[in-house]
Amino acid sequence: MKGKALRLTHRQMVERWKKDPAFAAAYADLGPEYALLRQLLLARQKVGLSQAEVASKMGTKAPAVTRLETSLSGSKHSPTIATLKRYAKAVGCRLEIRLVPVRTAEG
């Protein structure tokens, strides 16, 4: 089988990379951003809107919605709360932001 490249799915690659403690820590730190991104995409899909339709409801252009949705999966910039509120309203939701206590080994 010389010359054949091993093909892995994205999930398989991530699982391999997670064995590296530095990668695992960085991946865990991005958890909230990825969770919010999933929520944005699911909310838009649930109401059957395109990025252009969401943009129109937000009073902006489609590339701005594309940047918003992709900014959460990179770390180029963080959207403002006002932008997230407009997005939520455009897809028939409201934005809720919560602080969740972190449990430590001591308490």
N, C-alpha and C. Protein backbone atom coordinates (compact mmCIF):
# COMPACT_ATOMS: atom_id res chain seq x y z
N MET A 1 0.82 -1.20 0.00
CA MET A 1 0.00 0.00 0.00
C MET A 1 0.86 1.26 0.00
N LYS A 2 2.01 1.14 -0.54
CA LYS A 2 2.90 2.28 -0.60
C LYS A 2 2.30 3.35 -1.49
N GLY A 3 2.40 4.60 -1.02
CA GLY A 3 1.89 5.72 -1.80
C GLY A 3 0.46 6.11 -1.47
N LYS A 4 -0.24 5.28 -0.75
CA LYS A 4 -1.61 5.62 -0.35
C LYS A 4 -1.58 6.42 0.95
N ALA A 5 -2.22 7.58 0.94
CA ALA A 5 -2.27 8.42 2.13
C ALA A 5 -3.38 7.93 3.06
N LEU A 6 -3.10 8.00 4.34
CA LEU A 6 -4.10 7.66 5.34
C LEU A 6 -5.12 8.78 5.38
N ARG A 7 -6.38 8.45 5.25
CA ARG A 7 -7.43 9.46 5.26
C ARG A 7 -8.21 9.38 6.56
N LEU A 8 -8.25 10.50 7.24
CA LEU A 8 -8.97 10.58 8.50
C LEU A 8 -10.07 11.62 8.37
N THR A 9 -11.13 11.41 9.10
CA THR A 9 -12.17 12.43 9.17
C THR A 9 -11.68 13.55 10.09
N HIS A 10 -12.37 14.65 10.05
CA HIS A 10 -12.03 15.77 10.94
C HIS A 10 -12.10 15.32 12.39
N ARG A 11 -13.16 14.61 12.72
CA ARG A 11 -13.35 14.14 14.10
C ARG A 11 -12.20 13.24 14.53
N GLN A 12 -11.76 12.34 13.63
CA GLN A 12 -10.65 11.45 13.96
C GLN A 12 -9.35 12.23 14.19
N MET A 13 -9.12 13.24 13.36
CA MET A 13 -7.90 14.06 13.53
C MET A 13 -7.93 14.79 14.86
N VAL A 14 -9.08 15.38 15.19
CA VAL A 14 -9.19 16.12 16.45
C VAL A 14 -8.96 15.18 17.63
N GLU A 15 -9.53 13.99 17.57
CA GLU A 15 -9.33 13.03 18.66
C GLU A 15 -7.86 12.67 18.82
N ARG A 16 -7.15 12.53 17.72
CA ARG A 16 -5.70 12.27 17.81
C ARG A 16 -4.97 13.45 18.42
N TRP A 17 -5.30 14.65 17.95
CA TRP A 17 -4.63 15.86 18.44
C TRP A 17 -4.91 16.09 19.92
N LYS A 18 -6.09 15.71 20.38
CA LYS A 18 -6.46 15.92 21.79
C LYS A 18 -5.56 15.14 22.75
N LYS A 19 -4.81 14.19 22.24
CA LYS A 19 -3.88 13.45 23.09
C LYS A 19 -2.70 14.32 23.51
N ASP A 20 -2.48 15.42 22.79
CA ASP A 20 -1.45 16.39 23.13
C ASP A 20 -2.05 17.34 24.18
N PRO A 21 -1.49 17.40 25.40
CA PRO A 21 -2.08 18.24 26.46
C PRO A 21 -2.23 19.72 26.07
N ALA A 22 -1.27 20.27 25.34
CA ALA A 22 -1.37 21.68 24.94
C ALA A 22 -2.55 21.88 23.98
N PHE A 23 -2.71 20.97 23.03
CA PHE A 23 -3.84 21.05 22.10
C PHE A 23 -5.15 20.89 22.86
N ALA A 24 -5.21 19.90 23.75
CA ALA A 24 -6.43 19.63 24.50
C ALA A 24 -6.86 20.86 25.32
N ALA A 25 -5.89 21.54 25.93
CA ALA A 25 -6.21 22.73 26.73
C ALA A 25 -6.73 23.86 25.84
N ALA A 26 -6.07 24.09 24.71
CA ALA A 26 -6.50 25.14 23.78
C ALA A 26 -7.88 24.81 23.22
N TYR A 27 -8.11 23.56 22.90
CA TYR A 27 -9.40 23.12 22.36
C TYR A 27 -10.51 23.35 23.39
N ALA A 28 -10.24 23.02 24.63
CA ALA A 28 -11.23 23.21 25.70
C ALA A 28 -11.55 24.69 25.90
N ASP A 29 -10.53 25.55 25.77
CA ASP A 29 -10.75 26.99 25.92
C ASP A 29 -11.68 27.54 24.85
N LEU A 30 -11.72 26.91 23.69
CA LEU A 30 -12.58 27.39 22.60
C LEU A 30 -14.00 26.85 22.70
N GLY A 31 -14.26 25.99 23.65
CA GLY A 31 -15.57 25.38 23.78
C GLY A 31 -16.74 26.35 23.76
N PRO A 32 -16.71 27.42 24.56
CA PRO A 32 -17.84 28.36 24.55
C PRO A 32 -18.08 29.02 23.19
N GLU A 33 -17.00 29.36 22.48
CA GLU A 33 -17.17 29.98 21.17
C GLU A 33 -17.82 29.01 20.19
N TYR A 34 -17.36 27.76 20.19
CA TYR A 34 -17.94 26.77 19.29
C TYR A 34 -19.39 26.47 19.65
N ALA A 35 -19.70 26.46 20.93
CA ALA A 35 -21.08 26.22 21.36
C ALA A 35 -21.98 27.35 20.88
N LEU A 36 -21.52 28.59 20.99
CA LEU A 36 -22.30 29.73 20.52
C LEU A 36 -22.46 29.67 19.01
N LEU A 37 -21.41 29.33 18.30
CA LEU A 37 -21.49 29.21 16.84
C LEU A 37 -22.54 28.17 16.45
N ARG A 38 -22.52 27.01 17.11
CA ARG A 38 -23.53 25.98 16.82
C ARG A 38 -24.94 26.51 17.06
N GLN A 39 -25.12 27.26 18.15
CA GLN A 39 -26.43 27.83 18.45
C GLN A 39 -26.88 28.81 17.37
N LEU A 40 -25.96 29.67 16.92
CA LEU A 40 -26.30 30.63 15.87
C LEU A 40 -26.74 29.90 14.60
N LEU A 41 -25.93 28.95 14.18
CA LEU A 41 -26.23 28.24 12.94
C LEU A 41 -27.53 27.45 13.04
N LEU A 42 -27.74 26.78 14.16
CA LEU A 42 -28.97 26.01 14.34
C LEU A 42 -30.21 26.90 14.38
N ALA A 43 -30.10 28.05 15.03
CA ALA A 43 -31.24 28.97 15.09
C ALA A 43 -31.58 29.48 13.69
N ARG A 44 -30.57 29.81 12.90
CA ARG A 44 -30.81 30.30 11.54
C ARG A 44 -31.41 29.20 10.68
N GLN A 45 -30.89 27.98 10.80
CA GLN A 45 -31.42 26.86 10.03
C GLN A 45 -32.84 26.51 10.44
N LYS A 46 -33.13 26.59 11.74
CA LYS A 46 -34.46 26.25 12.25
C LYS A 46 -35.54 27.12 11.63
N VAL A 47 -35.23 28.40 11.46
CA VAL A 47 -36.23 29.30 10.86
C VAL A 47 -36.10 29.37 9.34
N GLY A 48 -35.13 28.64 8.80
CA GLY A 48 -35.00 28.54 7.34
C GLY A 48 -34.52 29.80 6.65
N LEU A 49 -33.67 30.56 7.32
CA LEU A 49 -33.17 31.81 6.72
C LEU A 49 -31.76 31.62 6.18
N SER A 50 -31.48 32.29 5.07
CA SER A 50 -30.12 32.34 4.54
C SER A 50 -29.35 33.44 5.28
N GLN A 51 -28.06 33.46 5.08
CA GLN A 51 -27.27 34.55 5.68
C GLN A 51 -27.74 35.89 5.15
N ALA A 52 -28.08 35.95 3.87
CA ALA A 52 -28.54 37.22 3.28
C ALA A 52 -29.85 37.67 3.92
N GLU A 53 -30.75 36.72 4.21
CA GLU A 53 -32.02 37.08 4.84
C GLU A 53 -31.81 37.55 6.27
N VAL A 54 -30.92 36.90 7.00
CA VAL A 54 -30.60 37.35 8.36
C VAL A 54 -29.99 38.74 8.30
N ALA A 55 -29.08 38.95 7.36
CA ALA A 55 -28.44 40.26 7.21
C ALA A 55 -29.48 41.35 6.96
N SER A 56 -30.43 41.07 6.10
CA SER A 56 -31.48 42.05 5.80
C SER A 56 -32.27 42.40 7.06
N LYS A 57 -32.62 41.38 7.85
CA LYS A 57 -33.36 41.62 9.09
C LYS A 57 -32.52 42.37 10.12
N MET A 58 -31.19 42.22 10.04
CA MET A 58 -30.29 42.91 10.97
C MET A 58 -29.96 44.32 10.49
N GLY A 59 -30.31 44.63 9.26
CA GLY A 59 -29.97 45.94 8.70
C GLY A 59 -28.51 46.01 8.28
N THR A 60 -27.97 44.90 7.80
CA THR A 60 -26.58 44.86 7.36
C THR A 60 -26.50 44.05 6.06
N LYS A 61 -25.32 43.73 5.64
CA LYS A 61 -25.12 42.97 4.40
C LYS A 61 -24.68 41.54 4.72
N ALA A 62 -24.90 40.64 3.77
CA ALA A 62 -24.60 39.22 3.98
C ALA A 62 -23.15 38.95 4.42
N PRO A 63 -22.14 39.65 3.85
CA PRO A 63 -20.78 39.37 4.31
C PRO A 63 -20.58 39.62 5.80
N ALA A 64 -21.35 40.54 6.38
CA ALA A 64 -21.24 40.80 7.82
C ALA A 64 -21.73 39.60 8.61
N VAL A 65 -22.78 38.94 8.15
CA VAL A 65 -23.28 37.74 8.83
C VAL A 65 -22.28 36.61 8.66
N THR A 66 -21.71 36.49 7.47
CA THR A 66 -20.69 35.47 7.24
C THR A 66 -19.52 35.68 8.20
N ARG A 67 -19.06 36.93 8.33
CA ARG A 67 -17.96 37.24 9.26
C ARG A 67 -18.34 36.90 10.69
N LEU A 68 -19.57 37.24 11.07
CA LEU A 68 -20.04 36.95 12.42
C LEU A 68 -20.00 35.45 12.69
N GLU A 69 -20.57 34.68 11.77
CA GLU A 69 -20.62 33.23 11.97
C GLU A 69 -19.23 32.59 11.93
N THR A 70 -18.34 33.11 11.13
CA THR A 70 -17.00 32.52 11.07
C THR A 70 -16.06 33.07 12.13
N SER A 71 -16.35 34.25 12.65
CA SER A 71 -15.44 34.84 13.65
C SER A 71 -15.40 34.00 14.92
N LEU A 72 -16.46 33.28 15.18
CA LEU A 72 -16.51 32.48 16.40
C LEU A 72 -15.68 31.21 16.28
N SER A 73 -15.39 30.80 15.04
CA SER A 73 -14.58 29.59 14.87
C SER A 73 -13.11 29.92 14.66
N GLY A 74 -12.80 31.17 14.53
CA GLY A 74 -11.41 31.62 14.46
C GLY A 74 -11.24 32.53 15.65
N SER A 75 -10.20 33.23 15.77
CA SER A 75 -10.17 34.19 16.89
C SER A 75 -9.75 35.55 16.36
N LYS A 76 -10.28 35.88 15.17
CA LYS A 76 -9.93 37.15 14.55
C LYS A 76 -10.51 38.33 15.32
N HIS A 77 -11.77 38.25 15.66
CA HIS A 77 -12.39 39.29 16.48
C HIS A 77 -13.63 38.71 17.13
N SER A 78 -14.05 39.32 18.20
CA SER A 78 -15.24 38.86 18.89
C SER A 78 -16.38 39.81 18.56
N PRO A 79 -17.55 39.25 18.27
CA PRO A 79 -18.69 40.12 17.97
C PRO A 79 -19.13 40.85 19.24
N THR A 80 -19.74 42.01 19.05
CA THR A 80 -20.26 42.76 20.19
C THR A 80 -21.56 42.13 20.66
N ILE A 81 -21.93 42.45 21.87
CA ILE A 81 -23.21 41.97 22.40
C ILE A 81 -24.35 42.54 21.57
N ALA A 82 -24.23 43.80 21.15
CA ALA A 82 -25.27 44.42 20.32
C ALA A 82 -25.46 43.65 19.02
N THR A 83 -24.37 43.22 18.40
CA THR A 83 -24.46 42.45 17.16
C THR A 83 -25.13 41.10 17.41
N LEU A 84 -24.75 40.44 18.49
CA LEU A 84 -25.36 39.16 18.82
C LEU A 84 -26.85 39.31 19.12
N LYS A 85 -27.23 40.42 19.74
CA LYS A 85 -28.65 40.68 20.01
C LYS A 85 -29.42 40.86 18.70
N ARG A 86 -28.84 41.61 17.76
CA ARG A 86 -29.49 41.81 16.46
C ARG A 86 -29.64 40.49 15.71
N TYR A 87 -28.60 39.66 15.76
CA TYR A 87 -28.65 38.35 15.11
C TYR A 87 -29.76 37.51 15.74
N ALA A 88 -29.77 37.47 17.07
CA ALA A 88 -30.78 36.68 17.78
C ALA A 88 -32.19 37.14 17.40
N LYS A 89 -32.41 38.42 17.38
CA LYS A 89 -33.73 38.96 17.02
C LYS A 89 -34.09 38.57 15.59
N ALA A 90 -33.12 38.62 14.69
CA ALA A 90 -33.36 38.30 13.28
C ALA A 90 -33.79 36.86 13.08
N VAL A 91 -33.34 35.96 13.96
CA VAL A 91 -33.71 34.55 13.82
C VAL A 91 -34.79 34.14 14.83
N GLY A 92 -35.46 35.14 15.40
CA GLY A 92 -36.58 34.87 16.29
C GLY A 92 -36.18 34.39 17.68
N CYS A 93 -35.04 34.82 18.16
CA CYS A 93 -34.56 34.43 19.49
C CYS A 93 -34.23 35.67 20.29
N ARG A 94 -33.89 35.45 21.54
CA ARG A 94 -33.33 36.53 22.36
C ARG A 94 -31.99 36.03 22.89
N LEU A 95 -31.10 36.94 23.11
CA LEU A 95 -29.77 36.61 23.59
C LEU A 95 -29.78 36.55 25.11
N GLU A 96 -29.22 35.49 25.67
CA GLU A 96 -29.02 35.38 27.11
C GLU A 96 -27.55 35.12 27.35
N ILE A 97 -26.99 35.85 28.28
CA ILE A 97 -25.58 35.66 28.65
C ILE A 97 -25.55 35.36 30.13
N ARG A 98 -24.84 34.29 30.49
CA ARG A 98 -24.80 33.89 31.89
C ARG A 98 -23.37 33.65 32.32
N LEU A 99 -23.14 33.84 33.59
CA LEU A 99 -21.87 33.44 34.20
C LEU A 99 -22.14 32.14 34.94
N VAL A 100 -21.31 31.16 34.69
CA VAL A 100 -21.47 29.85 35.30
C VAL A 100 -20.27 29.61 36.21
N PRO A 101 -20.51 29.37 37.50
CA PRO A 101 -19.38 29.13 38.41
C PRO A 101 -18.56 27.92 37.97
N VAL A 102 -17.27 28.04 38.12
CA VAL A 102 -16.35 26.95 37.79
C VAL A 102 -16.03 26.23 39.08
N ARG A 103 -16.19 24.96 39.06
CA ARG A 103 -15.87 24.15 40.25
C ARG A 103 -14.39 23.84 40.23
N THR A 104 -13.78 24.03 41.36
CA THR A 104 -12.35 23.69 41.49
C THR A 104 -12.19 22.52 42.43
N ALA A 105 -11.02 21.95 42.44
CA ALA A 105 -10.74 20.80 43.32
C ALA A 105 -10.90 21.19 44.79
N GLU A 106 -10.64 22.49 45.11
CA GLU A 106 -10.71 22.92 46.50
C GLU A 106 -12.15 23.13 46.96
N GLY A 107 -13.07 23.39 46.06
CA GLY A 107 -14.38 23.70 46.57
C GLY A 107 -15.40 23.57 45.58
